[in-house]
Structure formats: C-alpha cells, structure tokens
C-alpha cells in the first residue's frame, strides 16, 4: 500500500527539469519601443491647404523645398513647432549662420511666389493657422 501511495504522489508532483533542460527551454525577452507622441502633420497640412498662401505656393516647388528644408533645420535645432521658442533658443538661432541663410532663402522664395510677408492679411492668416495648430 505504501508503495502504491508513493507512486500516486510522485505522479502528481511536477518533475523538476535539470539545469541543462532549463537552459534549452529558456525564453529570450524582447521588447518593442514605445511610440512617442507626435504632431499630427495631416491636420496642419489640411488647415494650410485652405489658405491663400498655399494657393500661391502650390505650383512653386522651389518655395516648398525651401520651407521643407527650413522646417527640418528647426527640428534639428530642437525647436518644437507647437510651442514658441524661448528667448535663449531665439538667441541661439540668431547666432547660427545656417539658420540665417535658410530663413533668407525662405523669404526670397516666398517673395518670388508672390507672398507678401509684410501684408497684414498674410500675417493674420499665418497667426490664425499657428493658433489652430497649437490648439489641436
């Protein structure tokens, strides 16, 4: 009877694998990087497409390329498009010759495209666009 009981109890107990068996069955851990929050560029572009400025720039690839390069430079300098730059960041940008050249190129390409940056209507349109983009 004792022999039968021992056989039943041993059948219920899980068998402990040897250390070699543990090494073969060990799973490796992997992870997926967390997605970071990002600006919804489609919303900004859809708002920008409704402006008169876009109508003037739509067929001017040089102006669009200058704007794209300028935006990339701003991102590389650590400037967030959703918040205004700090005073220190503005001073740093003003001292950067690459930034000054890119800004001059944008202004000249916009003028070639017929966008008057001194016009009150253009300034109000750009300010309204930045408020909408900041609110989203």
N, C-alpha and C. Protein backbone atom coordinates (compact mmCIF):
# COMPACT_ATOMS: atom_id res chain seq x y z
N UNK A 1 0.82 -1.18 0.00
CA UNK A 1 0.00 0.00 0.00
C UNK A 1 0.88 1.26 0.00
N UNK A 2 1.88 1.24 0.80
CA UNK A 2 2.81 2.35 0.87
C UNK A 2 3.46 2.59 -0.49
N UNK A 3 3.72 1.54 -1.17
CA UNK A 3 4.35 1.61 -2.49
C UNK A 3 3.40 2.26 -3.50
N UNK A 4 2.11 1.93 -3.42
CA UNK A 4 1.10 2.50 -4.31
C UNK A 4 0.92 3.99 -4.02
N UNK A 5 0.88 4.33 -2.73
CA UNK A 5 0.73 5.73 -2.34
C UNK A 5 1.91 6.56 -2.86
N UNK A 6 3.10 6.06 -2.72
CA UNK A 6 4.30 6.76 -3.19
C UNK A 6 4.24 6.94 -4.71
N UNK A 7 3.79 5.96 -5.41
CA UNK A 7 3.68 6.05 -6.87
C UNK A 7 2.65 7.09 -7.28
N UNK A 8 1.52 7.16 -6.55
CA UNK A 8 0.49 8.16 -6.86
C UNK A 8 0.99 9.56 -6.56
N UNK A 9 1.65 9.75 -5.42
CA UNK A 9 2.16 11.07 -5.06
C UNK A 9 3.26 11.53 -6.02
N UNK A 10 4.08 10.62 -6.43
CA UNK A 10 5.16 11.01 -7.36
C UNK A 10 4.58 11.35 -8.73
N UNK A 11 3.48 10.75 -9.09
CA UNK A 11 2.85 11.06 -10.37
C UNK A 11 2.23 12.46 -10.35
N UNK A 12 1.78 12.92 -9.18
CA UNK A 12 1.17 14.25 -9.08
C UNK A 12 2.21 15.36 -9.07
N UNK A 13 3.37 15.10 -8.50
CA UNK A 13 4.41 16.13 -8.41
C UNK A 13 5.00 16.42 -9.78
N UNK A 14 5.18 17.70 -10.05
CA UNK A 14 5.84 18.02 -11.31
C UNK A 14 7.31 17.63 -11.23
N UNK A 15 7.82 17.21 -12.31
CA UNK A 15 9.22 16.81 -12.37
C UNK A 15 10.05 18.06 -12.57
N UNK A 16 11.06 18.23 -11.72
CA UNK A 16 11.96 19.37 -11.86
C UNK A 16 12.97 19.08 -12.96
N UNK A 17 13.03 19.95 -13.94
CA UNK A 17 14.00 19.71 -15.00
C UNK A 17 15.41 19.99 -14.50
N UNK A 18 16.35 19.37 -15.13
CA UNK A 18 17.75 19.60 -14.77
C UNK A 18 18.17 20.97 -15.29
N UNK A 19 19.30 21.43 -14.82
CA UNK A 19 19.76 22.76 -15.24
C UNK A 19 20.02 22.81 -16.74
N UNK A 20 20.44 21.71 -17.34
CA UNK A 20 20.66 21.67 -18.78
C UNK A 20 19.35 21.82 -19.53
N UNK A 21 18.31 21.19 -19.02
CA UNK A 21 17.00 21.31 -19.65
C UNK A 21 16.47 22.73 -19.49
N UNK A 22 16.75 23.39 -18.37
CA UNK A 22 16.32 24.78 -18.18
C UNK A 22 16.98 25.70 -19.19
N UNK A 23 18.24 25.47 -19.48
CA UNK A 23 18.94 26.32 -20.44
C UNK A 23 18.36 26.17 -21.84
N UNK A 24 17.94 24.97 -22.19
CA UNK A 24 17.36 24.75 -23.51
C UNK A 24 15.99 25.39 -23.65
N UNK A 25 15.24 25.46 -22.58
CA UNK A 25 13.85 25.96 -22.62
C UNK A 25 13.74 27.44 -22.29
N UNK A 26 14.81 28.08 -21.97
CA UNK A 26 14.77 29.48 -21.55
C UNK A 26 14.32 30.36 -22.72
N UNK A 27 13.39 31.21 -22.45
CA UNK A 27 12.89 32.14 -23.47
C UNK A 27 13.69 33.43 -23.38
N UNK A 28 13.89 34.02 -24.51
CA UNK A 28 14.58 35.31 -24.52
C UNK A 28 13.53 36.41 -24.44
N UNK A 29 13.90 37.49 -23.82
CA UNK A 29 13.00 38.63 -23.71
C UNK A 29 13.23 39.56 -24.89
N UNK A 30 12.16 40.11 -25.38
CA UNK A 30 12.26 41.13 -26.41
C UNK A 30 11.27 42.23 -26.07
N UNK A 31 11.51 43.38 -26.62
CA UNK A 31 10.60 44.49 -26.35
C UNK A 31 10.43 45.30 -27.62
N UNK A 32 9.36 46.02 -27.66
CA UNK A 32 9.07 46.92 -28.77
C UNK A 32 9.16 48.34 -28.23
N UNK A 33 9.89 49.20 -28.92
CA UNK A 33 10.00 50.57 -28.43
C UNK A 33 8.62 51.23 -28.35
N UNK A 34 8.45 52.04 -27.35
CA UNK A 34 7.20 52.75 -27.13
C UNK A 34 7.03 53.85 -28.16
N UNK A 35 5.84 54.00 -28.68
CA UNK A 35 5.57 55.09 -29.62
C UNK A 35 5.48 56.40 -28.85
N UNK A 36 6.18 57.39 -29.33
CA UNK A 36 6.16 58.69 -28.69
C UNK A 36 5.07 59.55 -29.34
N UNK A 37 4.60 60.50 -28.58
CA UNK A 37 3.60 61.43 -29.12
C UNK A 37 4.23 62.24 -30.25
N UNK A 38 3.47 62.50 -31.27
CA UNK A 38 3.98 63.29 -32.37
C UNK A 38 2.87 64.20 -32.88
N UNK A 39 3.31 65.22 -33.56
CA UNK A 39 2.36 66.18 -34.11
C UNK A 39 1.62 65.53 -35.27
N UNK A 40 0.34 65.79 -35.36
CA UNK A 40 -0.45 65.29 -36.46
C UNK A 40 -0.25 66.22 -37.64
N UNK A 41 0.67 65.85 -38.53
CA UNK A 41 1.00 66.71 -39.65
C UNK A 41 -0.14 66.82 -40.64
N UNK A 42 -0.98 65.78 -40.74
CA UNK A 42 -2.09 65.82 -41.68
C UNK A 42 -3.06 66.94 -41.32
N UNK A 43 -3.29 67.17 -40.03
CA UNK A 43 -4.20 68.22 -39.59
C UNK A 43 -3.63 69.59 -39.97
N UNK A 44 -2.33 69.78 -39.75
CA UNK A 44 -1.70 71.05 -40.10
C UNK A 44 -1.77 71.27 -41.61
N UNK A 45 -1.44 70.24 -42.37
CA UNK A 45 -1.46 70.38 -43.83
C UNK A 45 -2.86 70.64 -44.35
N UNK A 46 -3.85 69.99 -43.77
CA UNK A 46 -5.21 70.22 -44.24
C UNK A 46 -5.65 71.66 -43.93
N UNK A 47 -5.21 72.22 -42.80
CA UNK A 47 -5.52 73.61 -42.49
C UNK A 47 -4.76 74.55 -43.43
N UNK A 48 -3.50 74.21 -43.71
CA UNK A 48 -2.68 75.06 -44.57
C UNK A 48 -3.19 75.07 -46.00
N UNK A 49 -3.76 73.96 -46.45
CA UNK A 49 -4.28 73.90 -47.82
C UNK A 49 -5.46 74.82 -48.03
N UNK A 50 -6.11 75.27 -46.98
CA UNK A 50 -7.25 76.18 -47.09
C UNK A 50 -6.84 77.65 -47.10
N UNK A 51 -5.57 77.94 -47.07
CA UNK A 51 -5.11 79.33 -47.02
C UNK A 51 -4.80 79.84 -48.43
N UNK A 52 -4.81 81.16 -48.56
CA UNK A 52 -4.44 81.75 -49.85
C UNK A 52 -2.95 81.60 -50.11
N UNK A 53 -2.18 81.46 -49.05
CA UNK A 53 -0.73 81.29 -49.20
C UNK A 53 -0.44 79.98 -49.93
N UNK A 54 -1.17 78.93 -49.57
CA UNK A 54 -0.97 77.64 -50.22
C UNK A 54 -1.29 77.73 -51.71
N UNK A 55 -2.30 78.48 -52.05
CA UNK A 55 -2.65 78.64 -53.46
C UNK A 55 -1.51 79.26 -54.26
N UNK A 56 -0.79 80.17 -53.63
CA UNK A 56 0.34 80.81 -54.31
C UNK A 56 1.56 79.89 -54.37
N UNK A 57 1.71 79.01 -53.37
CA UNK A 57 2.89 78.15 -53.30
C UNK A 57 2.71 76.80 -53.98
N UNK A 58 1.47 76.44 -54.31
CA UNK A 58 1.17 75.09 -54.79
C UNK A 58 1.98 74.72 -56.04
N UNK A 59 2.20 75.66 -56.93
CA UNK A 59 2.93 75.35 -58.16
C UNK A 59 4.36 75.90 -58.15
N UNK A 60 4.90 76.15 -56.96
CA UNK A 60 6.26 76.67 -56.82
C UNK A 60 7.10 75.68 -56.02
N UNK A 61 7.70 74.69 -56.67
CA UNK A 61 8.45 73.66 -55.94
C UNK A 61 9.67 74.22 -55.18
N UNK A 62 10.27 75.29 -55.69
CA UNK A 62 11.44 75.86 -55.01
C UNK A 62 11.04 76.42 -53.64
N UNK A 63 9.89 77.07 -53.59
CA UNK A 63 9.42 77.64 -52.32
C UNK A 63 9.06 76.53 -51.34
N UNK A 64 8.40 75.49 -51.84
CA UNK A 64 8.04 74.37 -50.96
C UNK A 64 9.27 73.65 -50.43
N UNK A 65 10.30 73.50 -51.27
CA UNK A 65 11.54 72.85 -50.83
C UNK A 65 12.25 73.72 -49.78
N UNK A 66 12.23 75.03 -49.98
CA UNK A 66 12.86 75.93 -49.01
C UNK A 66 12.15 75.84 -47.67
N UNK A 67 10.82 75.78 -47.69
CA UNK A 67 10.06 75.64 -46.45
C UNK A 67 10.33 74.30 -45.77
N UNK A 68 10.41 73.25 -46.56
CA UNK A 68 10.69 71.92 -46.00
C UNK A 68 12.08 71.89 -45.35
N UNK A 69 13.08 72.44 -46.06
CA UNK A 69 14.43 72.47 -45.51
C UNK A 69 14.50 73.29 -44.23
N UNK A 70 13.77 74.40 -44.21
CA UNK A 70 13.74 75.25 -43.03
C UNK A 70 13.11 74.52 -41.84
N UNK A 71 12.02 73.80 -42.10
CA UNK A 71 11.36 73.04 -41.03
C UNK A 71 12.28 71.94 -40.49
N UNK A 72 13.02 71.27 -41.38
CA UNK A 72 13.96 70.24 -40.94
C UNK A 72 15.08 70.84 -40.09
N UNK A 73 15.55 72.00 -40.49
CA UNK A 73 16.60 72.68 -39.72
C UNK A 73 16.10 73.07 -38.34
N UNK A 74 14.87 73.54 -38.27
CA UNK A 74 14.29 73.91 -36.97
C UNK A 74 14.18 72.67 -36.07
N UNK A 75 13.73 71.54 -36.62
CA UNK A 75 13.64 70.31 -35.84
C UNK A 75 15.03 69.87 -35.38
N UNK A 76 16.03 70.00 -36.25
CA UNK A 76 17.39 69.60 -35.90
C UNK A 76 17.95 70.48 -34.78
N UNK A 77 17.50 71.73 -34.72
CA UNK A 77 17.95 72.65 -33.67
C UNK A 77 17.18 72.46 -32.37
N UNK A 78 16.18 71.57 -32.38
CA UNK A 78 15.42 71.29 -31.16
C UNK A 78 14.24 72.23 -30.94
N UNK A 79 13.77 72.88 -31.98
CA UNK A 79 12.64 73.79 -31.87
C UNK A 79 11.35 73.01 -32.14
N UNK A 80 10.42 73.06 -31.20
CA UNK A 80 9.14 72.38 -31.34
C UNK A 80 8.18 73.31 -32.08
N UNK A 81 7.51 72.77 -33.09
CA UNK A 81 6.61 73.57 -33.91
C UNK A 81 5.35 73.99 -33.15
N UNK A 82 5.01 73.28 -32.07
CA UNK A 82 3.78 73.57 -31.35
C UNK A 82 3.94 74.64 -30.28
N UNK A 83 5.16 74.93 -29.87
CA UNK A 83 5.38 75.93 -28.83
C UNK A 83 6.36 76.98 -29.34
N UNK A 84 6.18 78.22 -28.94
CA UNK A 84 7.13 79.25 -29.37
C UNK A 84 8.49 79.02 -28.73
N UNK A 85 9.57 79.36 -29.45
CA UNK A 85 10.90 79.15 -28.89
C UNK A 85 11.16 80.10 -27.72
N UNK A 86 12.00 79.66 -26.81
CA UNK A 86 12.37 80.50 -25.67
C UNK A 86 13.33 81.60 -26.15
N UNK A 87 13.57 82.56 -25.29
CA UNK A 87 14.49 83.65 -25.63
C UNK A 87 15.87 83.10 -25.91
N UNK A 88 16.30 82.14 -25.10
CA UNK A 88 17.62 81.54 -25.30
C UNK A 88 17.70 80.82 -26.65
N UNK A 89 16.64 80.09 -27.02
CA UNK A 89 16.63 79.41 -28.31
C UNK A 89 16.67 80.41 -29.46
N UNK A 90 15.97 81.53 -29.31
CA UNK A 90 15.97 82.56 -30.36
C UNK A 90 17.36 83.16 -30.52
N UNK A 91 18.04 83.39 -29.40
CA UNK A 91 19.41 83.94 -29.47
C UNK A 91 20.35 82.94 -30.14
N UNK A 92 20.16 81.67 -29.81
CA UNK A 92 20.99 80.62 -30.40
C UNK A 92 20.75 80.54 -31.91
N UNK A 93 19.49 80.65 -32.32
CA UNK A 93 19.17 80.61 -33.75
C UNK A 93 19.74 81.82 -34.48
N UNK A 94 19.65 82.97 -33.85
CA UNK A 94 20.16 84.20 -34.48
C UNK A 94 21.66 84.12 -34.71
N UNK A 95 22.36 83.41 -33.85
CA UNK A 95 23.81 83.27 -33.98
C UNK A 95 24.20 82.18 -34.98
N UNK A 96 23.25 81.38 -35.40
CA UNK A 96 23.52 80.25 -36.30
C UNK A 96 23.46 80.74 -37.75
N UNK A 97 24.59 80.67 -38.46
CA UNK A 97 24.64 81.16 -39.84
C UNK A 97 23.79 80.28 -40.77
N UNK A 98 23.73 78.99 -40.51
CA UNK A 98 22.92 78.09 -41.33
C UNK A 98 21.44 78.47 -41.22
N UNK A 99 20.99 78.81 -40.03
CA UNK A 99 19.60 79.22 -39.82
C UNK A 99 19.32 80.54 -40.57
N UNK A 100 20.24 81.48 -40.47
CA UNK A 100 20.03 82.78 -41.15
C UNK A 100 19.94 82.60 -42.66
N UNK A 101 20.80 81.76 -43.22
CA UNK A 101 20.76 81.51 -44.67
C UNK A 101 19.45 80.84 -45.08
N UNK A 102 19.01 79.86 -44.28
CA UNK A 102 17.76 79.17 -44.60
C UNK A 102 16.57 80.12 -44.50
N UNK A 103 16.57 80.99 -43.50
CA UNK A 103 15.47 81.95 -43.34
C UNK A 103 15.46 82.93 -44.51
N UNK A 104 16.62 83.39 -44.94
CA UNK A 104 16.69 84.31 -46.09
C UNK A 104 16.21 83.62 -47.36
N UNK A 105 16.55 82.34 -47.51
CA UNK A 105 16.11 81.60 -48.69
C UNK A 105 14.59 81.46 -48.69
N UNK A 106 13.99 81.18 -47.54
CA UNK A 106 12.54 81.05 -47.44
C UNK A 106 11.87 82.38 -47.81
N UNK A 107 12.38 83.47 -47.27
CA UNK A 107 11.79 84.78 -47.54
C UNK A 107 11.89 85.11 -49.03
N UNK A 108 13.06 84.86 -49.64
CA UNK A 108 13.20 85.19 -51.06
C UNK A 108 12.31 84.30 -51.93
N UNK A 109 12.19 83.01 -51.58
CA UNK A 109 11.32 82.12 -52.37
C UNK A 109 9.85 82.49 -52.20
N UNK A 110 9.45 82.88 -51.00
CA UNK A 110 8.06 83.31 -50.80
C UNK A 110 7.77 84.58 -51.58
N UNK A 111 8.73 85.51 -51.62
CA UNK A 111 8.53 86.74 -52.40
C UNK A 111 8.44 86.43 -53.89
N UNK A 112 9.27 85.49 -54.37
CA UNK A 112 9.20 85.09 -55.78
C UNK A 112 7.84 84.46 -56.10
N UNK A 113 7.27 83.76 -55.12
CA UNK A 113 5.97 83.10 -55.32
C UNK A 113 4.81 84.08 -55.22
N UNK A 114 5.09 85.30 -54.80
CA UNK A 114 4.04 86.31 -54.71
C UNK A 114 3.41 86.44 -53.33
N UNK A 115 4.04 85.90 -52.31
CA UNK A 115 3.54 86.02 -50.94
C UNK A 115 4.18 87.25 -50.31
N UNK A 116 3.36 88.21 -49.94
CA UNK A 116 3.85 89.44 -49.31
C UNK A 116 3.84 89.24 -47.80
N UNK A 117 5.02 89.05 -47.23
CA UNK A 117 5.13 88.79 -45.79
C UNK A 117 4.86 90.02 -44.93
N UNK A 118 4.85 91.21 -45.54
CA UNK A 118 4.55 92.42 -44.77
C UNK A 118 3.07 92.76 -44.78
N UNK A 119 2.29 92.06 -45.58
CA UNK A 119 0.86 92.30 -45.65
C UNK A 119 0.18 91.88 -44.35
N UNK A 120 -0.72 92.73 -43.86
CA UNK A 120 -1.44 92.42 -42.62
C UNK A 120 -2.32 91.18 -42.79
N UNK A 121 -2.90 91.00 -43.97
CA UNK A 121 -3.74 89.82 -44.22
C UNK A 121 -2.92 88.53 -44.13
N UNK A 122 -1.73 88.54 -44.71
CA UNK A 122 -0.87 87.35 -44.66
C UNK A 122 -0.46 87.04 -43.24
N UNK A 123 -0.10 88.07 -42.48
CA UNK A 123 0.32 87.87 -41.08
C UNK A 123 -0.83 87.30 -40.26
N UNK A 124 -2.03 87.84 -40.45
CA UNK A 124 -3.18 87.35 -39.71
C UNK A 124 -3.51 85.91 -40.09
N UNK A 125 -3.37 85.59 -41.38
CA UNK A 125 -3.63 84.23 -41.83
C UNK A 125 -2.64 83.24 -41.20
N UNK A 126 -1.37 83.63 -41.16
CA UNK A 126 -0.35 82.77 -40.55
C UNK A 126 -0.56 82.64 -39.05
N UNK A 127 -0.91 83.72 -38.38
CA UNK A 127 -1.14 83.67 -36.94
C UNK A 127 -2.37 82.80 -36.63
N UNK A 128 -3.41 82.92 -37.42
CA UNK A 128 -4.60 82.09 -37.22
C UNK A 128 -4.29 80.61 -37.43
N UNK A 129 -3.44 80.35 -38.41
CA UNK A 129 -3.04 78.98 -38.68
C UNK A 129 -2.22 78.42 -37.52
N UNK A 130 -1.32 79.21 -36.97
CA UNK A 130 -0.50 78.72 -35.85
C UNK A 130 -1.34 78.52 -34.59
N UNK A 131 -2.37 79.35 -34.39
CA UNK A 131 -3.25 79.16 -33.23
C UNK A 131 -4.05 77.87 -33.38
N UNK A 132 -4.54 77.59 -34.59
CA UNK A 132 -5.30 76.36 -34.82
C UNK A 132 -4.41 75.14 -34.62
N UNK A 133 -3.17 75.21 -35.10
CA UNK A 133 -2.24 74.07 -34.96
C UNK A 133 -1.86 73.89 -33.51
N UNK A 134 -1.72 74.96 -32.76
CA UNK A 134 -1.38 74.85 -31.34
C UNK A 134 -2.54 74.33 -30.52
N UNK A 135 -3.76 74.59 -30.94
CA UNK A 135 -4.94 74.15 -30.20
C UNK A 135 -5.25 72.68 -30.37
N UNK A 136 -4.75 72.06 -31.47
CA UNK A 136 -5.01 70.64 -31.74
C UNK A 136 -4.12 69.75 -30.97
